[in-house]
């Protein structure tokens, strides 16, 4: 018969040890997933900003905005 032992005021049996290990692994994977989502959100926002600038450039070109202003916007886009 497998009798759990009390060590350091904690129940120490194979089942609780396995459950603790699974919880730790699950938390580690969740942390990795959260970091990945943060990175993807950052990339999405960065790309959305570039698209916004491209749309503004297109609107400027369509409305006859002078070439110098368009170049300034293009340089801003390149620096992104």
PDB file of N, CA and C in Angstrom:
ATOM      1  N   UNK A   1       0.850  -1.177   0.000  1.00  0.00           N
ATOM      2  CA  UNK A   1       0.000   0.000   0.000  1.00  0.00           C
ATOM      3  C   UNK A   1       0.898   1.242   0.000  1.00  0.00           C
ATOM      4  N   UNK A   2       0.589   2.167  -0.920  1.00  0.00           N
ATOM      5  CA  UNK A   2       1.345   3.410  -1.019  1.00  0.00           C
ATOM      6  C   UNK A   2       0.728   4.438  -0.079  1.00  0.00           C
ATOM      7  N   UNK A   3       1.430   4.740   0.998  1.00  0.00           N
ATOM      8  CA  UNK A   3       0.936   5.693   1.988  1.00  0.00           C
ATOM      9  C   UNK A   3       1.692   7.007   1.810  1.00  0.00           C
ATOM     10  N   UNK A   4       0.960   8.096   1.551  1.00  0.00           N
ATOM     11  CA  UNK A   4       1.640   9.385   1.391  1.00  0.00           C
ATOM     12  C   UNK A   4       2.318   9.805   2.687  1.00  0.00           C
ATOM     13  N   UNK A   5       3.457  10.448   2.574  1.00  0.00           N
ATOM     14  CA  UNK A   5       4.201  10.921   3.739  1.00  0.00           C
ATOM     15  C   UNK A   5       4.089  12.434   3.831  1.00  0.00           C
ATOM     16  N   UNK A   6       4.124  12.919   5.044  1.00  0.00           N
ATOM     17  CA  UNK A   6       4.068  14.359   5.271  1.00  0.00           C
ATOM     18  C   UNK A   6       5.498  14.870   5.432  1.00  0.00           C
ATOM     19  N   UNK A   7       5.972  15.654   4.452  1.00  0.00           N
ATOM     20  CA  UNK A   7       7.327  16.198   4.486  1.00  0.00           C
ATOM     21  C   UNK A   7       7.226  17.710   4.362  1.00  0.00           C
ATOM     22  N   UNK A   8       7.849  18.416   5.300  1.00  0.00           N
ATOM     23  CA  UNK A   8       7.801  19.884   5.321  1.00  0.00           C
ATOM     24  C   UNK A   8       6.366  20.393   5.280  1.00  0.00           C
ATOM     25  N   UNK A   9       5.513  19.770   6.058  1.00  0.00           N
ATOM     26  CA  UNK A   9       4.090  20.128   6.153  1.00  0.00           C
ATOM     27  C   UNK A   9       3.350  20.004   4.826  1.00  0.00           C
ATOM     28  N   UNK A  10       3.881  19.218   3.902  1.00  0.00           N
ATOM     29  CA  UNK A  10       3.226  18.996   2.612  1.00  0.00           C
ATOM     30  C   UNK A  10       3.043  17.505   2.405  1.00  0.00           C
ATOM     31  N   UNK A  11       1.944  17.161   1.819  1.00  0.00           N
ATOM     32  CA  UNK A  11       1.683  15.770   1.494  1.00  0.00           C
ATOM     33  C   UNK A  11       2.579  15.379   0.336  1.00  0.00           C
ATOM     34  N   UNK A  12       3.400  14.376   0.536  1.00  0.00           N
ATOM     35  CA  UNK A  12       4.358  13.982  -0.494  1.00  0.00           C
ATOM     36  C   UNK A  12       4.019  12.588  -0.997  1.00  0.00           C
ATOM     37  N   UNK A  13       3.213  12.535  -2.005  1.00  0.00           N
ATOM     38  CA  UNK A  13       2.950  11.260  -2.662  1.00  0.00           C
ATOM     39  C   UNK A  13       3.136  11.449  -4.156  1.00  0.00           C
ATOM     40  N   UNK A  14       3.147  10.368  -4.887  1.00  0.00           N
ATOM     41  CA  UNK A  14       3.407  10.447  -6.326  1.00  0.00           C
ATOM     42  C   UNK A  14       2.359  11.262  -7.057  1.00  0.00           C
ATOM     43  N   UNK A  15       1.091  11.132  -6.659  1.00  0.00           N
ATOM     44  CA  UNK A  15       0.017  11.831  -7.356  1.00  0.00           C
ATOM     45  C   UNK A  15       0.138  13.350  -7.188  1.00  0.00           C
ATOM     46  N   UNK A  16       0.343  13.813  -5.954  1.00  0.00           N
ATOM     47  CA  UNK A  16       0.437  15.267  -5.748  1.00  0.00           C
ATOM     48  C   UNK A  16       1.712  15.819  -6.381  1.00  0.00           C
ATOM     49  N   UNK A  17       2.764  15.029  -6.390  1.00  0.00           N
ATOM     50  CA  UNK A  17       4.008  15.454  -7.032  1.00  0.00           C
ATOM     51  C   UNK A  17       3.806  15.611  -8.537  1.00  0.00           C
ATOM     52  N   UNK A  18       3.112  14.660  -9.135  1.00  0.00           N
ATOM     53  CA  UNK A  18       2.819  14.724 -10.567  1.00  0.00           C
ATOM     54  C   UNK A  18       1.926  15.921 -10.875  1.00  0.00           C
ATOM     55  N   UNK A  19       0.906  16.129 -10.039  1.00  0.00           N
ATOM     56  CA  UNK A  19       0.007  17.267 -10.249  1.00  0.00           C
ATOM     57  C   UNK A  19       0.765  18.589 -10.137  1.00  0.00           C
ATOM     58  N   UNK A  20       1.653  18.683  -9.164  1.00  0.00           N
ATOM     59  CA  UNK A  20       2.457  19.898  -9.008  1.00  0.00           C
ATOM     60  C   UNK A  20       3.331  20.127 -10.231  1.00  0.00           C
ATOM     61  N   UNK A  21       3.930  19.063 -10.718  1.00  0.00           N
ATOM     62  CA  UNK A  21       4.772  19.152 -11.911  1.00  0.00           C
ATOM     63  C   UNK A  21       3.951  19.621 -13.115  1.00  0.00           C
ATOM     64  N   UNK A  22       2.741  19.068 -13.260  1.00  0.00           N
ATOM     65  CA  UNK A  22       1.883  19.456 -14.385  1.00  0.00           C
ATOM     66  C   UNK A  22       1.456  20.918 -14.281  1.00  0.00           C
ATOM     67  N   UNK A  23       1.173  21.374 -13.075  1.00  0.00           N
ATOM     68  CA  UNK A  23       0.789  22.777 -12.877  1.00  0.00           C
ATOM     69  C   UNK A  23       1.956  23.693 -13.226  1.00  0.00           C
ATOM     70  N   UNK A  24       3.148  23.331 -12.785  1.00  0.00           N
ATOM     71  CA  UNK A  24       4.336  24.135 -13.091  1.00  0.00           C
ATOM     72  C   UNK A  24       4.569  24.187 -14.595  1.00  0.00           C
ATOM     73  N   UNK A  25       4.494  23.034 -15.265  1.00  0.00           N
ATOM     74  CA  UNK A  25       4.685  22.995 -16.720  1.00  0.00           C
ATOM     75  C   UNK A  25       3.615  23.816 -17.424  1.00  0.00           C
ATOM     76  N   UNK A  26       2.377  23.706 -16.949  1.00  0.00           N
ATOM     77  CA  UNK A  26       1.279  24.460 -17.549  1.00  0.00           C
ATOM     78  C   UNK A  26       1.512  25.962 -17.400  1.00  0.00           C
ATOM     79  N   UNK A  27       1.970  26.386 -16.226  1.00  0.00           N
ATOM     80  CA  UNK A  27       2.258  27.807 -16.000  1.00  0.00           C
ATOM     81  C   UNK A  27       3.397  28.292 -16.886  1.00  0.00           C
ATOM     82  N   UNK A  28       4.424  27.466 -17.051  1.00  0.00           N
ATOM     83  CA  UNK A  28       5.542  27.842 -17.923  1.00  0.00           C
ATOM     84  C   UNK A  28       5.065  28.019 -19.361  1.00  0.00           C
ATOM     85  N   UNK A  29       4.242  27.094 -19.816  1.00  0.00           N
ATOM     86  CA  UNK A  29       3.719  27.190 -21.190  1.00  0.00           C
ATOM     87  C   UNK A  29       2.821  28.409 -21.347  1.00  0.00           C
ATOM     88  N   UNK A  30       2.040  28.702 -20.321  1.00  0.00           N
ATOM     89  CA  UNK A  30       1.169  29.874 -20.364  1.00  0.00           C
ATOM     90  C   UNK A  30       1.993  31.156 -20.440  1.00  0.00           C
ATOM     91  N   UNK A  31       3.072  31.235 -19.678  1.00  0.00           N
ATOM     92  CA  UNK A  31       3.953  32.405 -19.724  1.00  0.00           C
ATOM     93  C   UNK A  31       4.564  32.570 -21.113  1.00  0.00           C
ATOM     94  N   UNK A  32       4.982  31.473 -21.720  1.00  0.00           N
ATOM     95  CA  UNK A  32       5.541  31.525 -23.077  1.00  0.00           C
ATOM     96  C   UNK A  32       4.484  32.008 -24.056  1.00  0.00           C
ATOM     97  N   UNK A  33       3.260  31.499 -23.916  1.00  0.00           N
ATOM     98  CA  UNK A  33       2.169  31.900 -24.796  1.00  0.00           C
ATOM     99  C   UNK A  33       1.850  33.384 -24.639  1.00  0.00           C
ATOM    100  N   UNK A  34       1.828  33.868 -23.412  1.00  0.00           N
ATOM    101  CA  UNK A  34       1.549  35.289 -23.164  1.00  0.00           C
ATOM    102  C   UNK A  34       2.618  36.160 -23.815  1.00  0.00           C
ATOM    103  N   UNK A  35       3.881  35.780 -23.673  1.00  0.00           N
ATOM    104  CA  UNK A  35       4.967  36.545 -24.305  1.00  0.00           C
ATOM    105  C   UNK A  35       4.829  36.529 -25.822  1.00  0.00           C
ATOM    106  N   UNK A  36       4.448  35.388 -26.376  1.00  0.00           N
ATOM    107  CA  UNK A  36       4.272  35.279 -27.833  1.00  0.00           C
ATOM    108  C   UNK A  36       3.141  36.187 -28.309  1.00  0.00           C
ATOM    109  N   UNK A  37       2.039  36.202 -27.554  1.00  0.00           N
ATOM    110  CA  UNK A  37       0.903  37.059 -27.915  1.00  0.00           C
ATOM    111  C   UNK A  37       1.306  38.531 -27.837  1.00  0.00           C
ATOM    112  N   UNK A  38       2.057  38.911 -26.792  1.00  0.00           N
ATOM    113  CA  UNK A  38       2.528  40.301 -26.682  1.00  0.00           C
ATOM    114  C   UNK A  38       3.367  40.678 -27.897  1.00  0.00           C
ATOM    115  N   UNK A  39       4.237  39.772 -28.319  1.00  0.00           N
ATOM    116  CA  UNK A  39       5.092  40.030 -29.478  1.00  0.00           C
ATOM    117  C   UNK A  39       4.251  40.176 -30.744  1.00  0.00           C
ATOM    118  N   UNK A  40       3.275  39.282 -30.925  1.00  0.00           N
ATOM    119  CA  UNK A  40       2.419  39.345 -32.113  1.00  0.00           C
ATOM    120  C   UNK A  40       1.595  40.631 -32.130  1.00  0.00           C
ATOM    121  N   UNK A  41       1.106  41.056 -30.976  1.00  0.00           N
ATOM    122  CA  UNK A  41       0.344  42.308 -30.894  1.00  0.00           C
ATOM    123  C   UNK A  41       1.241  43.483 -31.269  1.00  0.00           C
ATOM    124  N   UNK A  42       2.479  43.474 -30.772  1.00  0.00           N
ATOM    125  CA  UNK A  42       3.429  44.531 -31.114  1.00  0.00           C
ATOM    126  C   UNK A  42       3.635  44.591 -32.626  1.00  0.00           C
ATOM    127  N   UNK A  43       3.860  43.421 -33.257  1.00  0.00           N
ATOM    128  CA  UNK A  43       4.063  43.392 -34.709  1.00  0.00           C
ATOM    129  C   UNK A  43       2.825  43.869 -35.453  1.00  0.00           C
ATOM    130  N   UNK A  44       1.649  43.484 -34.968  1.00  0.00           N
ATOM    131  CA  UNK A  44       0.405  43.901 -35.602  1.00  0.00           C
ATOM    132  C   UNK A  44       0.266  45.420 -35.555  1.00  0.00           C
ATOM    133  N   UNK A  45       0.522  46.008 -34.397  1.00  0.00           N
ATOM    134  CA  UNK A  45       0.408  47.466 -34.253  1.00  0.00           C
ATOM    135  C   UNK A  45       1.435  48.169 -35.132  1.00  0.00           C
ATOM    136  N   UNK A  46       2.648  47.633 -35.162  1.00  0.00           N
ATOM    137  CA  UNK A  46       3.697  48.218 -36.000  1.00  0.00           C
ATOM    138  C   UNK A  46       3.289  48.183 -37.474  1.00  0.00           C
ATOM    139  N   UNK A  47       2.768  47.064 -37.932  1.00  0.00           N
ATOM    140  CA  UNK A  47       2.336  46.949 -39.326  1.00  0.00           C
ATOM    141  C   UNK A  47       1.128  47.831 -39.613  1.00  0.00           C
ATOM    142  N   UNK A  48       0.228  47.948 -38.654  1.00  0.00           N
ATOM    143  CA  UNK A  48      -0.940  48.813 -38.832  1.00  0.00           C
ATOM    144  C   UNK A  48      -0.503  50.263 -39.010  1.00  0.00           C
ATOM    145  N   UNK A  49       0.511  50.674 -38.265  1.00  0.00           N
ATOM    146  CA  UNK A  49       1.029  52.041 -38.389  1.00  0.00           C
ATOM    147  C   UNK A  49       1.631  52.264 -39.779  1.00  0.00           C
ATOM    148  N   UNK A  50       2.362  51.282 -40.278  1.00  0.00           N
ATOM    149  CA  UNK A  50       2.940  51.404 -41.624  1.00  0.00           C
ATOM    150  C   UNK A  50       1.844  51.495 -42.680  1.00  0.00           C
ATOM    151  N   UNK A  51       0.809  50.703 -42.523  1.00  0.00           N
ATOM    152  CA  UNK A  51      -0.307  50.742 -43.479  1.00  0.00           C
ATOM    153  C   UNK A  51      -0.986  52.107 -43.433  1.00  0.00           C
ATOM    154  N   UNK A  52      -1.157  52.650 -42.221  1.00  0.00           N
ATOM    155  CA  UNK A  52      -1.767  53.973 -42.087  1.00  0.00           C
ATOM    156  C   UNK A  52      -0.952  55.023 -42.837  1.00  0.00           C
ATOM    157  N   UNK A  53       0.371  54.968 -42.693  1.00  0.00           N
ATOM    158  CA  UNK A  53       1.237  55.937 -43.373  1.00  0.00           C
ATOM    159  C   UNK A  53       1.135  55.765 -44.884  1.00  0.00           C
ATOM    160  N   UNK A  54       1.092  54.524 -45.353  1.00  0.00           N
ATOM    161  CA  UNK A  54       0.948  54.287 -46.797  1.00  0.00           C
ATOM    162  C   UNK A  54      -0.369  54.853 -47.323  1.00  0.00           C
ATOM    163  N   UNK A  55      -1.431  54.686 -46.556  1.00  0.00           N
ATOM    164  CA  UNK A  55      -2.727  55.237 -46.967  1.00  0.00           C
ATOM    165  C   UNK A  55      -2.654  56.760 -47.016  1.00  0.00           C
ATOM    166  N   UNK A  56      -2.029  57.360 -46.006  1.00  0.00           N
ATOM    167  CA  UNK A  56      -1.890  58.819 -46.000  1.00  0.00           C
ATOM    168  C   UNK A  56      -1.066  59.299 -47.193  1.00  0.00           C
ATOM    169  N   UNK A  57      -0.004  58.567 -47.530  1.00  0.00           N
ATOM    170  CA  UNK A  57       0.794  58.922 -48.711  1.00  0.00           C
ATOM    171  C   UNK A  57      -0.054  58.864 -49.973  1.00  0.00           C
ATOM    172  N   UNK A  58      -0.865  57.835 -50.079  1.00  0.00           N
ATOM    173  CA  UNK A  58      -1.731  57.685 -51.246  1.00  0.00           C
ATOM    174  C   UNK A  58      -2.737  58.829 -51.328  1.00  0.00           C
ATOM    175  N   UNK A  59      -3.296  59.202 -50.185  1.00  0.00           N
ATOM    176  CA  UNK A  59      -4.248  60.317 -50.157  1.00  0.00           C
ATOM    177  C   UNK A  59      -3.549  61.610 -50.555  1.00  0.00           C
ATOM    178  N   UNK A  60      -2.336  61.828 -50.041  1.00  0.00           N
ATOM    179  CA  UNK A  60      -1.577  63.031 -50.407  1.00  0.00           C
ATOM    180  C   UNK A  60      -1.319  63.063 -51.908  1.00  0.00           C
ATOM    181  N   UNK A  61      -0.881  61.932 -52.449  1.00  0.00           N
ATOM    182  CA  UNK A  61      -0.587  61.867 -53.882  1.00  0.00           C
ATOM    183  C   UNK A  61      -1.851  62.154 -54.687  1.00  0.00           C
ATOM    184  N   UNK A  62      -2.961  61.563 -54.271  1.00  0.00           N
ATOM    185  CA  UNK A  62      -4.228  61.746 -54.989  1.00  0.00           C
ATOM    186  C   UNK A  62      -4.727  63.182 -54.921  1.00  0.00           C
ATOM    187  N   UNK A  63      -4.381  63.874 -53.841  1.00  0.00           N
ATOM    188  CA  UNK A  63      -4.852  65.248 -53.665  1.00  0.00           C
ATOM    189  C   UNK A  63      -3.822  66.290 -54.081  1.00  0.00           C
ATOM    190  N   UNK A  64      -2.756  65.844 -54.729  1.00  0.00           N
ATOM    191  CA  UNK A  64      -1.783  66.780 -55.273  1.00  0.00           C
ATOM    192  C   UNK A  64      -0.904  67.460 -54.234  1.00  0.00           C
ATOM    193  N   UNK A  65      -0.676  66.811 -53.106  1.00  0.00           N
ATOM    194  CA  UNK A  65       0.230  67.380 -52.101  1.00  0.00           C
ATOM    195  C   UNK A  65       1.637  67.423 -52.695  1.00  0.00           C
ATOM    196  N   UNK A  66       2.387  68.469 -52.364  1.00  0.00           N
ATOM    197  CA  UNK A  66       3.693  68.667 -52.995  1.00  0.00           C
ATOM    198  C   UNK A  66       4.655  67.505 -52.705  1.00  0.00           C
ATOM    199  N   UNK A  67       5.598  67.363 -53.608  1.00  0.00           N
ATOM    200  CA  UNK A  67       6.541  66.243 -53.583  1.00  0.00           C
ATOM    201  C   UNK A  67       7.394  66.240 -52.320  1.00  0.00           C
ATOM    202  N   UNK A  68       7.789  67.412 -51.838  1.00  0.00           N
ATOM    203  CA  UNK A  68       8.639  67.499 -50.643  1.00  0.00           C
ATOM    204  C   UNK A  68       7.931  66.904 -49.418  1.00  0.00           C
ATOM    205  N   UNK A  69       6.665  67.243 -49.252  1.00  0.00           N
ATOM    206  CA  UNK A  69       5.890  66.697 -48.129  1.00  0.00           C
ATOM    207  C   UNK A  69       5.758  65.188 -48.257  1.00  0.00           C
ATOM    208  N   UNK A  70       5.519  64.713 -49.476  1.00  0.00           N
ATOM    209  CA  UNK A  70       5.418  63.267 -49.698  1.00  0.00           C
ATOM    210  C   UNK A  70       6.731  62.569 -49.337  1.00  0.00           C
ATOM    211  N   UNK A  71       7.856  63.188 -49.693  1.00  0.00           N
ATOM    212  CA  UNK A  71       9.164  62.604 -49.370  1.00  0.00           C
ATOM    213  C   UNK A  71       9.375  62.519 -47.866  1.00  0.00           C
ATOM    214  N   UNK A  72       8.950  63.541 -47.144  1.00  0.00           N
ATOM    215  CA  UNK A  72       9.069  63.507 -45.682  1.00  0.00           C
ATOM    216  C   UNK A  72       8.286  62.328 -45.104  1.00  0.00           C
ATOM    217  N   UNK A  73       7.087  62.106 -45.627  1.00  0.00           N
ATOM    218  CA  UNK A  73       6.272  60.981 -45.162  1.00  0.00           C
ATOM    219  C   UNK A  73       6.921  59.648 -45.533  1.00  0.00           C
ATOM    220  N   UNK A  74       7.478  59.574 -46.729  1.00  0.00           N
ATOM    221  CA  UNK A  74       8.149  58.335 -47.145  1.00  0.00           C
ATOM    222  C   UNK A  74       9.334  58.035 -46.237  1.00  0.00           C
ATOM    223  N   UNK A  75      10.099  59.065 -45.894  1.00  0.00           N
ATOM    224  CA  UNK A  75      11.238  58.878 -44.987  1.00  0.00           C
ATOM    225  C   UNK A  75      10.782  58.395 -43.614  1.00  0.00           C
ATOM    226  N   UNK A  76       9.663  58.926 -43.153  1.00  0.00           N
ATOM    227  CA  UNK A  76       9.119  58.475 -41.871  1.00  0.00           C
ATOM    228  C   UNK A  76       8.762  56.991 -41.955  1.00  0.00           C
ATOM    229  N   UNK A  77       8.178  56.590 -43.052  1.00  0.00           N
ATOM    230  CA  UNK A  77       7.797  55.187 -43.238  1.00  0.00           C
ATOM    231  C   UNK A  77       9.026  54.291 -43.273  1.00  0.00           C
ATOM    232  N   UNK A  78      10.059  54.719 -43.969  1.00  0.00           N
ATOM    233  CA  UNK A  78      11.289  53.922 -44.075  1.00  0.00           C
ATOM    234  C   UNK A  78      11.933  53.740 -42.704  1.00  0.00           C
ATOM    235  N   UNK A  79      11.872  54.770 -41.865  1.00  0.00           N
ATOM    236  CA  UNK A  79      12.469  54.687 -40.530  1.00  0.00           C
ATOM    237  C   UNK A  79      11.720  53.736 -39.611  1.00  0.00           C
ATOM    238  N   UNK A  80      10.481  53.437 -39.931  1.00  0.00           N
ATOM    239  CA  UNK A  80       9.715  52.498 -39.109  1.00  0.00           C
ATOM    240  C   UNK A  80      10.286  51.143 -39.313  1.00  0.00           C
TER     241      UNK A  80
END
